[in-house]
Amino acid sequence: GYLILSYYTMIAGWVLAYVVIFRAVYCPRMSWRVSHQIAVAEQAANSLLPASGAGGLALGVWALRRGGMNTEHIARRTVAFFFLTSLANVAGVVLFAVLYASGALANDRNPALTYTFGIAATLAAALVVLGLPRLRPSTAPPNQAQGRIARGLRFVRDSLGLGVRDGLEMLRRRPVSILAGSFGVTLFD
């Protein structure tokens, strides 16, 4: 009984953390009920459709579009969401590498692996935080003469730069809900 209760408590904690960060990123004015429905439906689709998370993402985009959110906003917020939900994982890798390097933690079975991942996580985070927000959106109107691939690449580039910039701004404005959601999802996962 205790094991089952622990399992359901962890699932409830994970769902709550996921809904908190989902709502904070996509639409803070969205009702908690709607946020819960979309977030849980996304995760259910991810569990049922073996598409590496694309099924849940597609379902979430569809639901947000039906709710009136435009494609550019959804793309930016999706980048921000992945950036912010990855925050706790990257911080954990860096923290453990630092704790092992400082001697606060002992018995590292593979220091080379620990430090390699710690350095790689630090460099990747620096690249994302310092590099992607510098990507400025295109100011020229979309050109129909451009091919679909060129327009798609422009959309991705703009979404990446603006999405990470949005994520950093959310961290400055609503750090409690963003950090609670990010670290909660990682902790209960």
N, C-alpha and C. Protein backbone atom coordinates (compact mmCIF):
# COMPACT_ATOMS: atom_id res chain seq x y z
N GLY A 1 0.80 -1.19 0.00
CA GLY A 1 0.00 0.00 0.00
C GLY A 1 0.84 1.26 0.00
N TYR A 2 1.95 1.23 0.81
CA TYR A 2 2.78 2.42 0.91
C TYR A 2 3.45 2.73 -0.43
N LEU A 3 3.90 1.69 -1.12
CA LEU A 3 4.56 1.86 -2.40
C LEU A 3 3.61 2.45 -3.44
N ILE A 4 2.38 1.98 -3.45
CA ILE A 4 1.38 2.51 -4.39
C ILE A 4 1.06 3.96 -4.06
N LEU A 5 0.91 4.28 -2.77
CA LEU A 5 0.65 5.66 -2.36
C LEU A 5 1.81 6.57 -2.76
N SER A 6 3.04 6.11 -2.57
CA SER A 6 4.22 6.89 -2.97
C SER A 6 4.22 7.13 -4.47
N TYR A 7 3.90 6.10 -5.24
CA TYR A 7 3.87 6.20 -6.69
C TYR A 7 2.85 7.26 -7.13
N TYR A 8 1.65 7.19 -6.60
CA TYR A 8 0.61 8.15 -6.98
C TYR A 8 0.92 9.56 -6.48
N THR A 9 1.59 9.68 -5.36
CA THR A 9 2.00 11.00 -4.87
C THR A 9 3.03 11.61 -5.81
N MET A 10 3.96 10.80 -6.28
CA MET A 10 4.96 11.30 -7.22
C MET A 10 4.31 11.71 -8.54
N ILE A 11 3.36 10.92 -9.02
CA ILE A 11 2.67 11.27 -10.26
C ILE A 11 1.89 12.57 -10.07
N ALA A 12 1.20 12.71 -8.95
CA ALA A 12 0.44 13.93 -8.68
C ALA A 12 1.37 15.14 -8.61
N GLY A 13 2.52 14.98 -7.96
CA GLY A 13 3.49 16.07 -7.88
C GLY A 13 4.02 16.45 -9.25
N TRP A 14 4.30 15.44 -10.06
CA TRP A 14 4.80 15.69 -11.40
C TRP A 14 3.76 16.42 -12.25
N VAL A 15 2.52 15.95 -12.19
CA VAL A 15 1.45 16.59 -12.97
C VAL A 15 1.26 18.04 -12.51
N LEU A 16 1.23 18.27 -11.22
CA LEU A 16 1.07 19.63 -10.70
C LEU A 16 2.21 20.52 -11.18
N ALA A 17 3.45 20.05 -11.08
CA ALA A 17 4.60 20.85 -11.51
C ALA A 17 4.52 21.13 -13.01
N TYR A 18 4.13 20.14 -13.80
CA TYR A 18 4.03 20.31 -15.24
C TYR A 18 2.95 21.34 -15.59
N VAL A 19 1.83 21.26 -14.91
CA VAL A 19 0.74 22.21 -15.18
C VAL A 19 1.17 23.63 -14.77
N VAL A 20 1.87 23.76 -13.66
CA VAL A 20 2.34 25.08 -13.21
C VAL A 20 3.23 25.73 -14.25
N ILE A 21 4.21 24.99 -14.76
CA ILE A 21 5.11 25.59 -15.75
C ILE A 21 4.42 25.76 -17.10
N PHE A 22 3.55 24.83 -17.47
CA PHE A 22 2.81 24.96 -18.72
C PHE A 22 1.99 26.25 -18.72
N ARG A 23 1.27 26.47 -17.65
CA ARG A 23 0.42 27.66 -17.55
C ARG A 23 1.25 28.94 -17.52
N ALA A 24 2.36 28.93 -16.76
CA ALA A 24 3.21 30.11 -16.65
C ALA A 24 3.83 30.48 -18.00
N VAL A 25 4.15 29.48 -18.80
CA VAL A 25 4.81 29.75 -20.08
C VAL A 25 3.81 30.11 -21.17
N TYR A 26 2.78 29.31 -21.33
CA TYR A 26 1.89 29.51 -22.48
C TYR A 26 0.85 30.60 -22.27
N CYS A 27 0.22 30.63 -21.13
CA CYS A 27 -0.84 31.62 -20.94
C CYS A 27 -1.21 31.73 -19.47
N PRO A 28 -0.57 32.66 -18.75
CA PRO A 28 -0.86 32.80 -17.32
C PRO A 28 -2.32 33.14 -17.02
N ARG A 29 -3.03 33.66 -18.01
CA ARG A 29 -4.45 34.00 -17.78
C ARG A 29 -5.38 32.83 -18.08
N MET A 30 -4.82 31.75 -18.61
CA MET A 30 -5.61 30.55 -18.90
C MET A 30 -6.08 29.97 -17.56
N SER A 31 -7.26 29.44 -17.53
CA SER A 31 -7.75 28.84 -16.29
C SER A 31 -6.91 27.62 -15.93
N TRP A 32 -6.87 27.33 -14.63
CA TRP A 32 -6.12 26.16 -14.18
C TRP A 32 -6.71 24.89 -14.78
N ARG A 33 -8.01 24.86 -14.93
CA ARG A 33 -8.68 23.67 -15.47
C ARG A 33 -8.25 23.41 -16.91
N VAL A 34 -8.26 24.47 -17.74
CA VAL A 34 -7.87 24.31 -19.15
C VAL A 34 -6.38 23.99 -19.24
N SER A 35 -5.57 24.66 -18.42
CA SER A 35 -4.13 24.36 -18.40
C SER A 35 -3.89 22.89 -18.08
N HIS A 36 -4.61 22.39 -17.09
CA HIS A 36 -4.49 20.99 -16.69
C HIS A 36 -4.90 20.07 -17.83
N GLN A 37 -6.03 20.38 -18.47
CA GLN A 37 -6.51 19.51 -19.55
C GLN A 37 -5.52 19.42 -20.71
N ILE A 38 -4.99 20.56 -21.14
CA ILE A 38 -4.06 20.56 -22.27
C ILE A 38 -2.75 19.88 -21.88
N ALA A 39 -2.20 20.24 -20.72
CA ALA A 39 -0.91 19.69 -20.29
C ALA A 39 -0.98 18.17 -20.11
N VAL A 40 -2.01 17.69 -19.47
CA VAL A 40 -2.14 16.24 -19.24
C VAL A 40 -2.42 15.52 -20.55
N ALA A 41 -3.21 16.12 -21.42
CA ALA A 41 -3.47 15.51 -22.73
C ALA A 41 -2.18 15.40 -23.54
N GLU A 42 -1.33 16.43 -23.48
CA GLU A 42 -0.04 16.37 -24.16
C GLU A 42 0.78 15.19 -23.66
N GLN A 43 0.86 15.05 -22.35
CA GLN A 43 1.67 13.97 -21.79
C GLN A 43 1.07 12.60 -22.09
N ALA A 44 -0.25 12.51 -22.12
CA ALA A 44 -0.89 11.25 -22.47
C ALA A 44 -0.55 10.89 -23.92
N ALA A 45 -0.60 11.87 -24.80
CA ALA A 45 -0.25 11.62 -26.21
C ALA A 45 1.21 11.20 -26.32
N ASN A 46 2.09 11.81 -25.53
CA ASN A 46 3.50 11.42 -25.56
C ASN A 46 3.68 9.97 -25.11
N SER A 47 2.86 9.53 -24.17
CA SER A 47 2.96 8.16 -23.68
C SER A 47 2.39 7.16 -24.67
N LEU A 48 1.36 7.55 -25.38
CA LEU A 48 0.68 6.62 -26.29
C LEU A 48 1.28 6.59 -27.69
N LEU A 49 1.81 7.71 -28.14
CA LEU A 49 2.35 7.79 -29.50
C LEU A 49 3.87 7.75 -29.46
N PRO A 50 4.47 6.72 -30.02
CA PRO A 50 5.93 6.60 -29.98
C PRO A 50 6.60 7.53 -30.99
N ALA A 51 6.53 8.83 -30.73
CA ALA A 51 7.09 9.80 -31.68
C ALA A 51 8.02 10.79 -30.98
N SER A 52 8.66 10.36 -29.91
CA SER A 52 9.65 11.18 -29.19
C SER A 52 9.10 12.53 -28.75
N GLY A 53 7.87 12.56 -28.33
CA GLY A 53 7.28 13.80 -27.82
C GLY A 53 6.57 14.63 -28.87
N ALA A 54 6.71 14.27 -30.14
CA ALA A 54 6.08 15.06 -31.20
C ALA A 54 4.55 14.97 -31.15
N GLY A 55 4.03 13.81 -30.71
CA GLY A 55 2.57 13.64 -30.64
C GLY A 55 1.96 14.59 -29.62
N GLY A 56 2.57 14.69 -28.46
CA GLY A 56 2.07 15.61 -27.43
C GLY A 56 2.21 17.05 -27.86
N LEU A 57 3.33 17.36 -28.49
CA LEU A 57 3.55 18.72 -28.99
C LEU A 57 2.49 19.08 -30.03
N ALA A 58 2.24 18.17 -30.95
CA ALA A 58 1.23 18.44 -31.99
C ALA A 58 -0.15 18.63 -31.37
N LEU A 59 -0.50 17.80 -30.39
CA LEU A 59 -1.79 17.94 -29.73
C LEU A 59 -1.89 19.28 -28.99
N GLY A 60 -0.81 19.67 -28.32
CA GLY A 60 -0.80 20.96 -27.62
C GLY A 60 -0.93 22.13 -28.57
N VAL A 61 -0.22 22.07 -29.69
CA VAL A 61 -0.32 23.13 -30.69
C VAL A 61 -1.74 23.21 -31.22
N TRP A 62 -2.31 22.07 -31.51
CA TRP A 62 -3.69 22.05 -32.01
C TRP A 62 -4.64 22.68 -30.99
N ALA A 63 -4.53 22.30 -29.72
CA ALA A 63 -5.43 22.83 -28.69
C ALA A 63 -5.24 24.33 -28.50
N LEU A 64 -3.99 24.78 -28.50
CA LEU A 64 -3.73 26.22 -28.33
C LEU A 64 -4.22 27.02 -29.53
N ARG A 65 -4.06 26.47 -30.74
CA ARG A 65 -4.57 27.14 -31.94
C ARG A 65 -6.10 27.23 -31.89
N ARG A 66 -6.75 26.14 -31.47
CA ARG A 66 -8.21 26.15 -31.34
C ARG A 66 -8.66 27.19 -30.32
N GLY A 67 -7.81 27.43 -29.34
CA GLY A 67 -8.12 28.43 -28.32
C GLY A 67 -7.84 29.86 -28.76
N GLY A 68 -7.30 30.03 -29.96
CA GLY A 68 -7.10 31.36 -30.50
C GLY A 68 -5.66 31.87 -30.47
N MET A 69 -4.71 31.08 -30.02
CA MET A 69 -3.32 31.52 -29.97
C MET A 69 -2.72 31.40 -31.38
N ASN A 70 -1.95 32.42 -31.79
CA ASN A 70 -1.37 32.37 -33.13
C ASN A 70 -0.11 31.50 -33.17
N THR A 71 0.22 31.06 -34.35
CA THR A 71 1.31 30.10 -34.57
C THR A 71 2.65 30.64 -34.10
N GLU A 72 2.93 31.91 -34.36
CA GLU A 72 4.21 32.49 -33.95
C GLU A 72 4.35 32.49 -32.43
N HIS A 73 3.28 32.83 -31.73
CA HIS A 73 3.31 32.84 -30.26
C HIS A 73 3.51 31.42 -29.73
N ILE A 74 2.82 30.46 -30.32
CA ILE A 74 2.97 29.06 -29.88
C ILE A 74 4.41 28.59 -30.10
N ALA A 75 4.98 28.92 -31.25
CA ALA A 75 6.36 28.49 -31.55
C ALA A 75 7.34 29.10 -30.55
N ARG A 76 7.21 30.40 -30.29
CA ARG A 76 8.10 31.06 -29.32
C ARG A 76 7.96 30.44 -27.95
N ARG A 77 6.73 30.23 -27.52
CA ARG A 77 6.49 29.69 -26.18
C ARG A 77 6.91 28.23 -26.08
N THR A 78 6.85 27.50 -27.17
CA THR A 78 7.31 26.11 -27.15
C THR A 78 8.82 26.07 -26.94
N VAL A 79 9.54 26.95 -27.62
CA VAL A 79 10.99 27.04 -27.40
C VAL A 79 11.26 27.43 -25.95
N ALA A 80 10.54 28.44 -25.45
CA ALA A 80 10.72 28.86 -24.06
C ALA A 80 10.40 27.72 -23.09
N PHE A 81 9.36 26.97 -23.38
CA PHE A 81 8.96 25.86 -22.52
C PHE A 81 10.05 24.79 -22.45
N PHE A 82 10.59 24.39 -23.60
CA PHE A 82 11.65 23.38 -23.60
C PHE A 82 12.91 23.91 -22.93
N PHE A 83 13.21 25.17 -23.14
CA PHE A 83 14.36 25.80 -22.48
C PHE A 83 14.18 25.79 -20.97
N LEU A 84 13.02 26.20 -20.50
CA LEU A 84 12.78 26.30 -19.06
C LEU A 84 12.62 24.94 -18.39
N THR A 85 12.02 23.96 -19.07
CA THR A 85 11.88 22.65 -18.45
C THR A 85 13.22 21.90 -18.45
N SER A 86 14.14 22.29 -19.32
CA SER A 86 15.47 21.68 -19.33
C SER A 86 16.39 22.32 -18.30
N LEU A 87 15.99 23.45 -17.78
CA LEU A 87 16.81 24.21 -16.84
C LEU A 87 17.24 23.37 -15.63
N ALA A 88 16.32 22.67 -15.02
CA ALA A 88 16.63 21.88 -13.83
C ALA A 88 17.57 20.73 -14.15
N ASN A 89 17.38 20.08 -15.29
CA ASN A 89 18.26 18.97 -15.67
C ASN A 89 19.69 19.45 -15.88
N VAL A 90 19.85 20.54 -16.62
CA VAL A 90 21.18 21.08 -16.89
C VAL A 90 21.82 21.56 -15.59
N ALA A 91 21.04 22.24 -14.75
CA ALA A 91 21.57 22.71 -13.47
C ALA A 91 22.01 21.54 -12.60
N GLY A 92 21.26 20.44 -12.63
CA GLY A 92 21.63 19.26 -11.85
C GLY A 92 22.94 18.65 -12.31
N VAL A 93 23.14 18.54 -13.62
CA VAL A 93 24.38 17.98 -14.15
C VAL A 93 25.57 18.85 -13.74
N VAL A 94 25.42 20.16 -13.90
CA VAL A 94 26.50 21.09 -13.54
C VAL A 94 26.74 21.04 -12.03
N LEU A 95 25.69 21.05 -11.24
CA LEU A 95 25.83 21.03 -9.78
C LEU A 95 26.57 19.78 -9.29
N PHE A 96 26.18 18.62 -9.80
CA PHE A 96 26.85 17.39 -9.37
C PHE A 96 28.32 17.38 -9.79
N ALA A 97 28.63 17.88 -10.98
CA ALA A 97 30.03 17.95 -11.40
C ALA A 97 30.83 18.86 -10.47
N VAL A 98 30.24 19.99 -10.10
CA VAL A 98 30.91 20.92 -9.18
C VAL A 98 31.06 20.29 -7.80
N LEU A 99 30.03 19.62 -7.31
CA LEU A 99 30.11 18.99 -5.99
C LEU A 99 31.16 17.88 -5.96
N TYR A 100 31.27 17.10 -7.01
CA TYR A 100 32.31 16.07 -7.06
C TYR A 100 33.69 16.72 -7.17
N ALA A 101 33.82 17.75 -8.00
CA ALA A 101 35.12 18.41 -8.18
C ALA A 101 35.60 19.08 -6.90
N SER A 102 34.67 19.63 -6.12
CA SER A 102 35.04 20.32 -4.88
C SER A 102 35.29 19.36 -3.73
N GLY A 103 34.93 18.10 -3.88
CA GLY A 103 35.12 17.13 -2.82
C GLY A 103 33.93 17.02 -1.88
N ALA A 104 32.87 17.78 -2.13
CA ALA A 104 31.68 17.72 -1.28
C ALA A 104 30.98 16.37 -1.43
N LEU A 105 31.09 15.77 -2.60
CA LEU A 105 30.60 14.42 -2.84
C LEU A 105 31.80 13.52 -3.13
N ALA A 106 31.76 12.33 -2.63
CA ALA A 106 32.89 11.41 -2.82
C ALA A 106 32.45 10.19 -3.63
N ASN A 107 33.42 9.37 -3.97
CA ASN A 107 33.20 8.10 -4.66
C ASN A 107 32.63 8.26 -6.07
N ASP A 108 33.15 9.21 -6.80
CA ASP A 108 32.76 9.35 -8.20
C ASP A 108 33.40 8.20 -8.97
N ARG A 109 32.59 7.31 -9.51
CA ARG A 109 33.12 6.11 -10.18
C ARG A 109 33.76 6.42 -11.53
N ASN A 110 33.37 7.53 -12.14
CA ASN A 110 33.94 7.87 -13.45
C ASN A 110 34.08 9.38 -13.54
N PRO A 111 35.13 9.95 -12.92
CA PRO A 111 35.31 11.40 -12.91
C PRO A 111 35.37 12.01 -14.31
N ALA A 112 36.02 11.33 -15.23
CA ALA A 112 36.13 11.89 -16.59
C ALA A 112 34.74 12.09 -17.20
N LEU A 113 33.88 11.13 -17.01
CA LEU A 113 32.52 11.23 -17.54
C LEU A 113 31.75 12.35 -16.82
N THR A 114 31.88 12.39 -15.51
CA THR A 114 31.19 13.42 -14.72
C THR A 114 31.60 14.81 -15.17
N TYR A 115 32.90 15.05 -15.28
CA TYR A 115 33.38 16.39 -15.64
C TYR A 115 33.13 16.72 -17.10
N THR A 116 33.18 15.71 -17.96
CA THR A 116 32.88 15.95 -19.38
C THR A 116 31.44 16.41 -19.54
N PHE A 117 30.52 15.71 -18.87
CA PHE A 117 29.11 16.13 -18.97
C PHE A 117 28.88 17.47 -18.27
N GLY A 118 29.56 17.72 -17.16
CA GLY A 118 29.43 19.01 -16.48
C GLY A 118 29.89 20.16 -17.35
N ILE A 119 31.02 19.97 -18.02
CA ILE A 119 31.55 21.01 -18.91
C ILE A 119 30.65 21.16 -20.14
N ALA A 120 30.23 20.03 -20.71
CA ALA A 120 29.34 20.10 -21.89
C ALA A 120 28.03 20.80 -21.56
N ALA A 121 27.45 20.50 -20.39
CA ALA A 121 26.20 21.16 -19.98
C ALA A 121 26.41 22.65 -19.79
N THR A 122 27.54 23.02 -19.20
CA THR A 122 27.85 24.45 -18.99
C THR A 122 28.01 25.16 -20.33
N LEU A 123 28.75 24.56 -21.24
CA LEU A 123 28.95 25.18 -22.56
C LEU A 123 27.65 25.27 -23.36
N ALA A 124 26.85 24.21 -23.31
CA ALA A 124 25.56 24.24 -24.02
C ALA A 124 24.65 25.32 -23.45
N ALA A 125 24.60 25.41 -22.13
CA ALA A 125 23.77 26.44 -21.49
C ALA A 125 24.26 27.84 -21.87
N ALA A 126 25.57 28.04 -21.87
CA ALA A 126 26.12 29.34 -22.25
C ALA A 126 25.79 29.68 -23.70
N LEU A 127 25.91 28.69 -24.57
CA LEU A 127 25.58 28.90 -25.98
C LEU A 127 24.12 29.30 -26.15
N VAL A 128 23.23 28.58 -25.47
CA VAL A 128 21.80 28.88 -25.58
C VAL A 128 21.48 30.25 -24.98
N VAL A 129 21.95 30.50 -23.77
CA VAL A 129 21.60 31.74 -23.06
C VAL A 129 22.27 32.96 -23.67
N LEU A 130 23.51 32.83 -24.11
CA LEU A 130 24.23 33.98 -24.66
C LEU A 130 24.10 34.11 -26.17
N GLY A 131 23.89 32.99 -26.86
CA GLY A 131 23.86 33.04 -28.32
C GLY A 131 22.49 33.20 -28.93
N LEU A 132 21.55 32.35 -28.55
CA LEU A 132 20.24 32.37 -29.22
C LEU A 132 19.47 33.68 -29.05
N PRO A 133 19.49 34.33 -27.88
CA PRO A 133 18.76 35.59 -27.80
C PRO A 133 19.32 36.69 -28.72
N ARG A 134 20.54 36.52 -29.19
CA ARG A 134 21.12 37.50 -30.11
C ARG A 134 20.58 37.37 -31.53
N LEU A 135 19.94 36.24 -31.81
CA LEU A 135 19.31 36.09 -33.12
C LEU A 135 18.14 37.07 -33.18
N ARG A 136 18.23 38.00 -34.05
CA ARG A 136 17.17 38.99 -34.19
C ARG A 136 16.18 38.53 -35.24
N PRO A 137 14.89 38.75 -34.99
CA PRO A 137 13.91 38.34 -36.00
C PRO A 137 14.07 39.15 -37.28
N SER A 138 13.74 38.51 -38.36
CA SER A 138 13.80 39.17 -39.66
C SER A 138 12.82 40.32 -39.68
N THR A 139 13.26 41.46 -40.18
CA THR A 139 12.38 42.63 -40.24
C THR A 139 11.67 42.73 -41.58
N ALA A 140 12.24 42.10 -42.59
CA ALA A 140 11.61 42.14 -43.92
C ALA A 140 10.36 41.25 -43.90
N PRO A 141 9.32 41.68 -44.59
CA PRO A 141 8.13 40.82 -44.65
C PRO A 141 8.44 39.52 -45.37
N PRO A 142 7.72 38.45 -45.00
CA PRO A 142 7.97 37.18 -45.68
C PRO A 142 7.78 37.31 -47.19
N ASN A 143 8.69 36.76 -47.94
CA ASN A 143 8.68 36.86 -49.38
C ASN A 143 8.10 35.56 -49.95
N GLN A 144 7.01 35.67 -50.67
CA GLN A 144 6.38 34.49 -51.24
C GLN A 144 7.25 33.86 -52.32
N ALA A 145 8.19 34.64 -52.88
CA ALA A 145 9.08 34.09 -53.90
C ALA A 145 10.09 33.13 -53.28
N GLN A 146 10.34 33.27 -51.96
CA GLN A 146 11.24 32.34 -51.28
C GLN A 146 10.58 30.96 -51.26
N GLY A 147 11.39 29.96 -51.27
CA GLY A 147 10.85 28.61 -51.19
C GLY A 147 10.32 28.32 -49.80
N ARG A 148 9.59 27.23 -49.70
CA ARG A 148 9.01 26.82 -48.41
C ARG A 148 10.09 26.54 -47.39
N ILE A 149 11.19 25.95 -47.83
CA ILE A 149 12.28 25.63 -46.91
C ILE A 149 12.89 26.90 -46.35
N ALA A 150 13.12 27.90 -47.19
CA ALA A 150 13.70 29.16 -46.74
C ALA A 150 12.76 29.86 -45.75
N ARG A 151 11.46 29.85 -46.03
CA ARG A 151 10.50 30.47 -45.10
C ARG A 151 10.45 29.68 -43.79
N GLY A 152 10.51 28.34 -43.89
CA GLY A 152 10.51 27.51 -42.69
C GLY A 152 11.74 27.75 -41.83
N LEU A 153 12.91 27.86 -42.46
CA LEU A 153 14.15 28.12 -41.72
C LEU A 153 14.11 29.49 -41.04
N ARG A 154 13.54 30.45 -41.73
CA ARG A 154 13.39 31.78 -41.13
C ARG A 154 12.48 31.72 -39.91
N PHE A 155 11.39 30.99 -40.02
CA PHE A 155 10.45 30.83 -38.91
C PHE A 155 11.13 30.16 -37.72
N VAL A 156 11.91 29.10 -37.97
CA VAL A 156 12.62 28.39 -36.90
C VAL A 156 13.64 29.31 -36.25
N ARG A 157 14.42 30.02 -37.06
CA ARG A 157 15.43 30.94 -36.53
C ARG A 157 14.80 32.00 -35.65
N ASP A 158 13.75 32.62 -36.14
CA ASP A 158 13.06 33.65 -35.36
C ASP A 158 12.48 33.07 -34.08
N SER A 159 11.88 31.89 -34.16
CA SER A 159 11.28 31.25 -32.98
C SER A 159 12.32 30.90 -31.93
N LEU A 160 13.48 30.41 -32.36
CA LEU A 160 14.54 30.07 -31.41
C LEU A 160 15.03 31.31 -30.66
N GLY A 161 15.37 32.34 -31.40
CA GLY A 161 15.87 33.56 -30.76
C GLY A 161 14.86 34.20 -29.83
N LEU A 162 13.64 34.38 -30.33
CA LEU A 162 12.60 35.01 -29.52
C LEU A 162 12.14 34.11 -28.38
N GLY A 163 12.12 32.80 -28.61
CA GLY A 163 11.68 31.87 -27.57
C GLY A 163 12.62 31.85 -26.37
N VAL A 164 13.92 31.78 -26.63
CA VAL A 164 14.87 31.81 -25.52
C VAL A 164 14.81 33.17 -24.82
N ARG A 165 14.69 34.23 -25.58
CA ARG A 165 14.55 35.57 -24.99
C ARG A 165 13.29 35.64 -24.11
N ASP A 166 12.18 35.06 -24.59
CA ASP A 166 10.96 35.00 -23.78
C ASP A 166 11.19 34.21 -22.49
N GLY A 167 11.88 33.07 -22.61
CA GLY A 167 12.16 32.24 -21.44
C GLY A 167 12.97 32.98 -20.40
N LEU A 168 14.00 33.70 -20.84
CA LEU A 168 14.82 34.47 -19.90
C LEU A 168 14.00 35.58 -19.23
N GLU A 169 13.13 36.21 -20.02
CA GLU A 169 12.26 37.26 -19.45
C GLU A 169 11.29 36.67 -18.43
N MET A 170 10.76 35.48 -18.71
CA MET A 170 9.85 34.83 -17.76
C MET A 170 10.58 34.51 -16.46
N LEU A 171 11.83 34.11 -16.57
CA LEU A 171 12.62 33.83 -15.36
C LEU A 171 12.79 35.09 -14.52
N ARG A 172 12.88 36.23 -15.17
CA ARG A 172 13.02 37.50 -14.42
C ARG A 172 11.69 37.92 -13.80
N ARG A 173 10.58 37.70 -14.51
CA ARG A 173 9.28 38.19 -14.03
C ARG A 173 8.56 37.22 -13.11
N ARG A 174 8.57 35.93 -13.41
CA ARG A 174 7.81 34.94 -12.65
C ARG A 174 8.71 33.78 -12.22
N PRO A 175 9.76 34.07 -11.50
CA PRO A 175 10.71 32.99 -11.22
C PRO A 175 10.15 31.88 -10.34
N VAL A 176 9.21 32.18 -9.45
CA VAL A 176 8.72 31.14 -8.54
C VAL A 176 7.97 30.06 -9.31
N SER A 177 7.01 30.42 -10.15
CA SER A 177 6.24 29.42 -10.87
C SER A 177 7.11 28.70 -11.91
N ILE A 178 8.00 29.42 -12.55
CA ILE A 178 8.87 28.82 -13.55
C ILE A 178 9.83 27.83 -12.88
N LEU A 179 10.50 28.26 -11.82
CA LEU A 179 11.46 27.39 -11.14
C LEU A 179 10.77 26.23 -10.44
N ALA A 180 9.62 26.49 -9.82
CA ALA A 180 8.87 25.41 -9.15
C ALA A 180 8.44 24.37 -10.17
N GLY A 181 7.96 24.81 -11.32
CA GLY A 181 7.56 23.88 -12.37
C GLY A 181 8.73 23.10 -12.93
N SER A 182 9.81 23.80 -13.26
CA SER A 182 10.98 23.15 -13.85
C SER A 182 11.61 22.14 -12.90
N PHE A 183 11.89 22.58 -11.68
CA PHE A 183 12.53 21.68 -10.73
C PHE A 183 11.55 20.61 -10.23
N GLY A 184 10.27 20.95 -10.14
CA GLY A 184 9.27 19.97 -9.74
C GLY A 184 9.13 18.83 -10.72
N VAL A 185 9.10 19.17 -12.02
CA VAL A 185 9.00 18.14 -13.06
C VAL A 185 10.21 17.22 -12.97
N THR A 186 11.40 17.79 -12.81
CA THR A 186 12.63 16.98 -12.72
C THR A 186 12.63 16.14 -11.44
N LEU A 187 12.25 16.74 -10.33
CA LEU A 187 12.27 16.04 -9.05
C LEU A 187 11.31 14.86 -9.06
N PHE A 188 10.07 15.07 -9.51
CA PHE A 188 9.06 14.01 -9.47
C PHE A 188 9.21 13.02 -10.64
N ASP A 189 9.97 13.39 -11.65
CA ASP A 189 10.20 12.47 -12.75
C ASP A 189 11.14 11.38 -12.31
